Amino acid sequence: MMGSSFLSADRARSPPVKVLSSQLREGTERQTAGGRSEYVIRRLGPGEQRSLPVSVVWMQGTVLEVQSDLNTVLILDETGNFVVSGINSVPKGKPCLSAGKYVMVMGVIQSHSPEPVLRAVKMADLSENALIHRKNWIYEVEDLQQILP
C-alpha cells in the first residue's frame, strides 16, 4: 500500500505506467495546465505510434550500485541505466538494495535526460523469480502501453 503522503501529494497524478528507461531518455518534458511536469513518451508496439504522457512510472531492472550516503541506487533495465533517489525513506526498500538484485520501482519522474531519475515511492525485490520477470517485462510494458487511452 502506498503511503498517505504519496496519495495526498500526488492525488492529481495518473496511475503508474510501465516504461523502459530508453523511453524516458527519448521523451520530452512539458508542463500540464496545473503547472506540474509530465513527460511524453513514444508507446511501444505495432501500429500507430501515439504519444503517452507519464509522470508516475513503474520500472524494473537489476541493481548495479547502491549509494546509501547519497540516498540513490543505479539500476539497469533492458535498454539502459536509470537512477532512483529517495531510497532511504521507502518502506521495505532497503532489503532489496544490493548489487545483482532484480527489483521493481514505482516512482515520480524527476528528470529524463541524460539519464532518467525517479523519486522512489515503492520498491520490491523480484529476485526470487528474476528470470521470469526479466523475460516478460518488455511484453508487460508493451501490452499496457497499447491498451492505455
Foldseek 3Di string as FASTA:
>chain_A
DFDVVCCVVCVVFDPAAEDALVQLQPWDWDADPVGDIWIWGFADDDDDTDIDIHFKYKYKFFWADDDVVQQKTWGAAPPGIAMEHNQVPEPPRVVQHDGGWIKMFIFGWPGNPPTTYGHGRYMDTPRVPVVVCNVCRVVVNNVRRVPDD
